[in-house]
Amino acid sequence: MVTLTRVDAKLRGMVNRFSVGDRVRVDIPDTTDPDFEYHREHGVVTAIKEDAAGYATGDERDSVLYRVELESGEEMDFRWRDLRPSDTEV
């Protein structure tokens, strides 16, 4: 897990796209993605975790994992790019 510095903490609000309790839709349209099976599933953010992925990619948003409880009851972790607000459709 990553320990946030004071500067990182200031950026946290810009990095966290969703909050616990937000209803979301999984958006993974690439059929070759191993998580494609969750495309268009809906759920609720139950936790927000952090890791060091942003340091590897250069994009701090990648350091945030959203734990989502899907309508099926399954819990999965997703990155920001795989989630949309539940009320948006593509």
C-alpha atoms as a PDB file:
ATOM      1  CA  MET A   1       0.000   0.000   0.000  1.00  0.00           C
ATOM      2  CA  VAL A   2       1.085   3.544  -0.666  1.00  0.00           C
ATOM      3  CA  THR A   3       1.448   6.025   2.166  1.00  0.00           C
ATOM      4  CA  LEU A   4       0.209   9.414   1.003  1.00  0.00           C
ATOM      5  CA  THR A   5       2.413  12.391   1.584  1.00  0.00           C
ATOM      6  CA  ARG A   6       0.982  15.802   2.412  1.00  0.00           C
ATOM      7  CA  VAL A   7       1.227  16.826  -1.261  1.00  0.00           C
ATOM      8  CA  ASP A   8      -0.370  13.568  -2.405  1.00  0.00           C
ATOM      9  CA  ALA A   9      -3.214  14.051   0.054  1.00  0.00           C
ATOM     10  CA  LYS A  10      -3.985  17.448  -1.534  1.00  0.00           C
ATOM     11  CA  LEU A  11      -4.384  15.687  -4.880  1.00  0.00           C
ATOM     12  CA  ARG A  12      -6.574  12.956  -3.442  1.00  0.00           C
ATOM     13  CA  GLY A  13      -9.788  14.851  -4.198  1.00  0.00           C
ATOM     14  CA  MET A  14      -8.811  15.188  -7.845  1.00  0.00           C
ATOM     15  CA  VAL A  15      -7.792  11.531  -8.065  1.00  0.00           C
ATOM     16  CA  ASN A  16     -10.830   9.917  -6.422  1.00  0.00           C
ATOM     17  CA  ARG A  17     -13.517   9.911  -9.054  1.00  0.00           C
ATOM     18  CA  PHE A  18     -16.048   7.998  -6.951  1.00  0.00           C
ATOM     19  CA  SER A  19     -16.915   7.746  -3.266  1.00  0.00           C
ATOM     20  CA  VAL A  20     -18.075   4.860  -1.111  1.00  0.00           C
ATOM     21  CA  GLY A  21     -21.805   4.427  -1.709  1.00  0.00           C
ATOM     22  CA  ASP A  22     -21.743   5.677  -5.311  1.00  0.00           C
ATOM     23  CA  ARG A  23     -23.631   3.572  -7.820  1.00  0.00           C
ATOM     24  CA  VAL A  24     -21.433   2.737 -10.833  1.00  0.00           C
ATOM     25  CA  ARG A  25     -21.481   0.858 -14.143  1.00  0.00           C
ATOM     26  CA  VAL A  26     -18.535  -1.217 -15.341  1.00  0.00           C
ATOM     27  CA  ASP A  27     -17.375  -0.052 -18.776  1.00  0.00           C
ATOM     28  CA  ILE A  28     -14.890  -2.517 -20.298  1.00  0.00           C
ATOM     29  CA  PRO A  29     -15.879  -2.721 -23.993  1.00  0.00           C
ATOM     30  CA  ASP A  30     -12.673  -4.496 -25.127  1.00  0.00           C
ATOM     31  CA  THR A  31     -13.694  -8.113 -25.733  1.00  0.00           C
ATOM     32  CA  THR A  32     -10.063  -9.234 -25.291  1.00  0.00           C
ATOM     33  CA  ASP A  33      -9.879  -7.801 -21.751  1.00  0.00           C
ATOM     34  CA  PRO A  34     -10.043 -10.607 -19.151  1.00  0.00           C
ATOM     35  CA  ASP A  35     -12.648  -8.588 -17.212  1.00  0.00           C
ATOM     36  CA  PHE A  36     -14.904  -8.017 -20.247  1.00  0.00           C
ATOM     37  CA  GLU A  37     -17.471 -10.342 -18.649  1.00  0.00           C
ATOM     38  CA  TYR A  38     -18.285  -7.505 -16.210  1.00  0.00           C
ATOM     39  CA  HIS A  39     -18.969  -4.963 -18.987  1.00  0.00           C
ATOM     40  CA  ARG A  40     -22.244  -3.100 -18.313  1.00  0.00           C
ATOM     41  CA  GLU A  41     -22.649  -4.639 -14.854  1.00  0.00           C
ATOM     42  CA  HIS A  42     -23.911  -2.240 -12.183  1.00  0.00           C
ATOM     43  CA  GLY A  43     -22.912  -2.042  -8.547  1.00  0.00           C
ATOM     44  CA  VAL A  44     -22.023   0.114  -5.555  1.00  0.00           C
ATOM     45  CA  VAL A  45     -18.557   1.285  -4.451  1.00  0.00           C
ATOM     46  CA  THR A  46     -17.955  -0.330  -1.054  1.00  0.00           C
ATOM     47  CA  ALA A  47     -14.310   0.629  -0.481  1.00  0.00           C
ATOM     48  CA  ILE A  48     -11.480   2.650  -1.959  1.00  0.00           C
ATOM     49  CA  LYS A  49      -7.951   1.270  -1.773  1.00  0.00           C
ATOM     50  CA  GLU A  50      -4.598   2.577  -2.940  1.00  0.00           C
ATOM     51  CA  ASP A  51      -1.578   0.887  -4.439  1.00  0.00           C
ATOM     52  CA  ALA A  52       1.571   1.895  -6.316  1.00  0.00           C
ATOM     53  CA  ALA A  53       0.299   1.443  -9.882  1.00  0.00           C
ATOM     54  CA  GLY A  54       0.337   5.210 -10.480  1.00  0.00           C
ATOM     55  CA  TYR A  55       4.075   5.306  -9.960  1.00  0.00           C
ATOM     56  CA  ALA A  56       4.511   2.673 -12.672  1.00  0.00           C
ATOM     57  CA  THR A  57       2.152   4.314 -15.176  1.00  0.00           C
ATOM     58  CA  GLY A  58       2.855   7.962 -14.362  1.00  0.00           C
ATOM     59  CA  ASP A  59      -0.868   8.582 -13.815  1.00  0.00           C
ATOM     60  CA  GLU A  60      -1.796   9.006 -10.137  1.00  0.00           C
ATOM     61  CA  ARG A  61      -5.392   7.981 -10.900  1.00  0.00           C
ATOM     62  CA  ASP A  62      -4.067   4.459 -11.470  1.00  0.00           C
ATOM     63  CA  SER A  63      -3.124   4.224  -7.775  1.00  0.00           C
ATOM     64  CA  VAL A  64      -6.785   4.105  -6.780  1.00  0.00           C
ATOM     65  CA  LEU A  65      -8.755   0.840  -6.738  1.00  0.00           C
ATOM     66  CA  TYR A  66     -12.503   0.915  -6.305  1.00  0.00           C
ATOM     67  CA  ARG A  67     -14.018  -2.147  -4.630  1.00  0.00           C
ATOM     68  CA  VAL A  68     -17.462  -2.611  -6.191  1.00  0.00           C
ATOM     69  CA  GLU A  69     -20.208  -4.921  -5.018  1.00  0.00           C
ATOM     70  CA  LEU A  70     -21.970  -5.929  -8.204  1.00  0.00           C
ATOM     71  CA  GLU A  71     -25.710  -6.595  -8.326  1.00  0.00           C
ATOM     72  CA  SER A  72     -24.855 -10.318  -8.433  1.00  0.00           C
ATOM     73  CA  GLY A  73     -23.278  -9.952  -4.971  1.00  0.00           C
ATOM     74  CA  GLU A  74     -19.745 -10.491  -6.301  1.00  0.00           C
ATOM     75  CA  GLU A  75     -17.104  -7.972  -5.201  1.00  0.00           C
ATOM     76  CA  MET A  76     -14.443  -6.844  -7.670  1.00  0.00           C
ATOM     77  CA  ASP A  77     -11.727  -4.182  -7.760  1.00  0.00           C
ATOM     78  CA  PHE A  78     -11.666  -1.782 -10.715  1.00  0.00           C
ATOM     79  CA  ARG A  79      -9.514   1.162 -11.813  1.00  0.00           C
ATOM     80  CA  TRP A  80     -11.002   4.576 -12.648  1.00  0.00           C
ATOM     81  CA  ARG A  81     -10.969   3.948 -16.400  1.00  0.00           C
ATOM     82  CA  ASP A  82     -13.248   0.903 -16.033  1.00  0.00           C
ATOM     83  CA  LEU A  83     -16.076   2.686 -14.207  1.00  0.00           C
ATOM     84  CA  ARG A  84     -18.742   5.222 -15.096  1.00  0.00           C
ATOM     85  CA  PRO A  85     -21.560   6.718 -13.058  1.00  0.00           C
ATOM     86  CA  SER A  86     -24.457   4.261 -13.188  1.00  0.00           C
ATOM     87  CA  ASP A  87     -26.774   6.743 -14.875  1.00  0.00           C
ATOM     88  CA  THR A  88     -24.579   7.081 -18.005  1.00  0.00           C
ATOM     89  CA  GLU A  89     -24.866   4.763 -21.003  1.00  0.00           C
ATOM     90  CA  VAL A  90     -22.684   4.417 -24.088  1.00  0.00           C
END
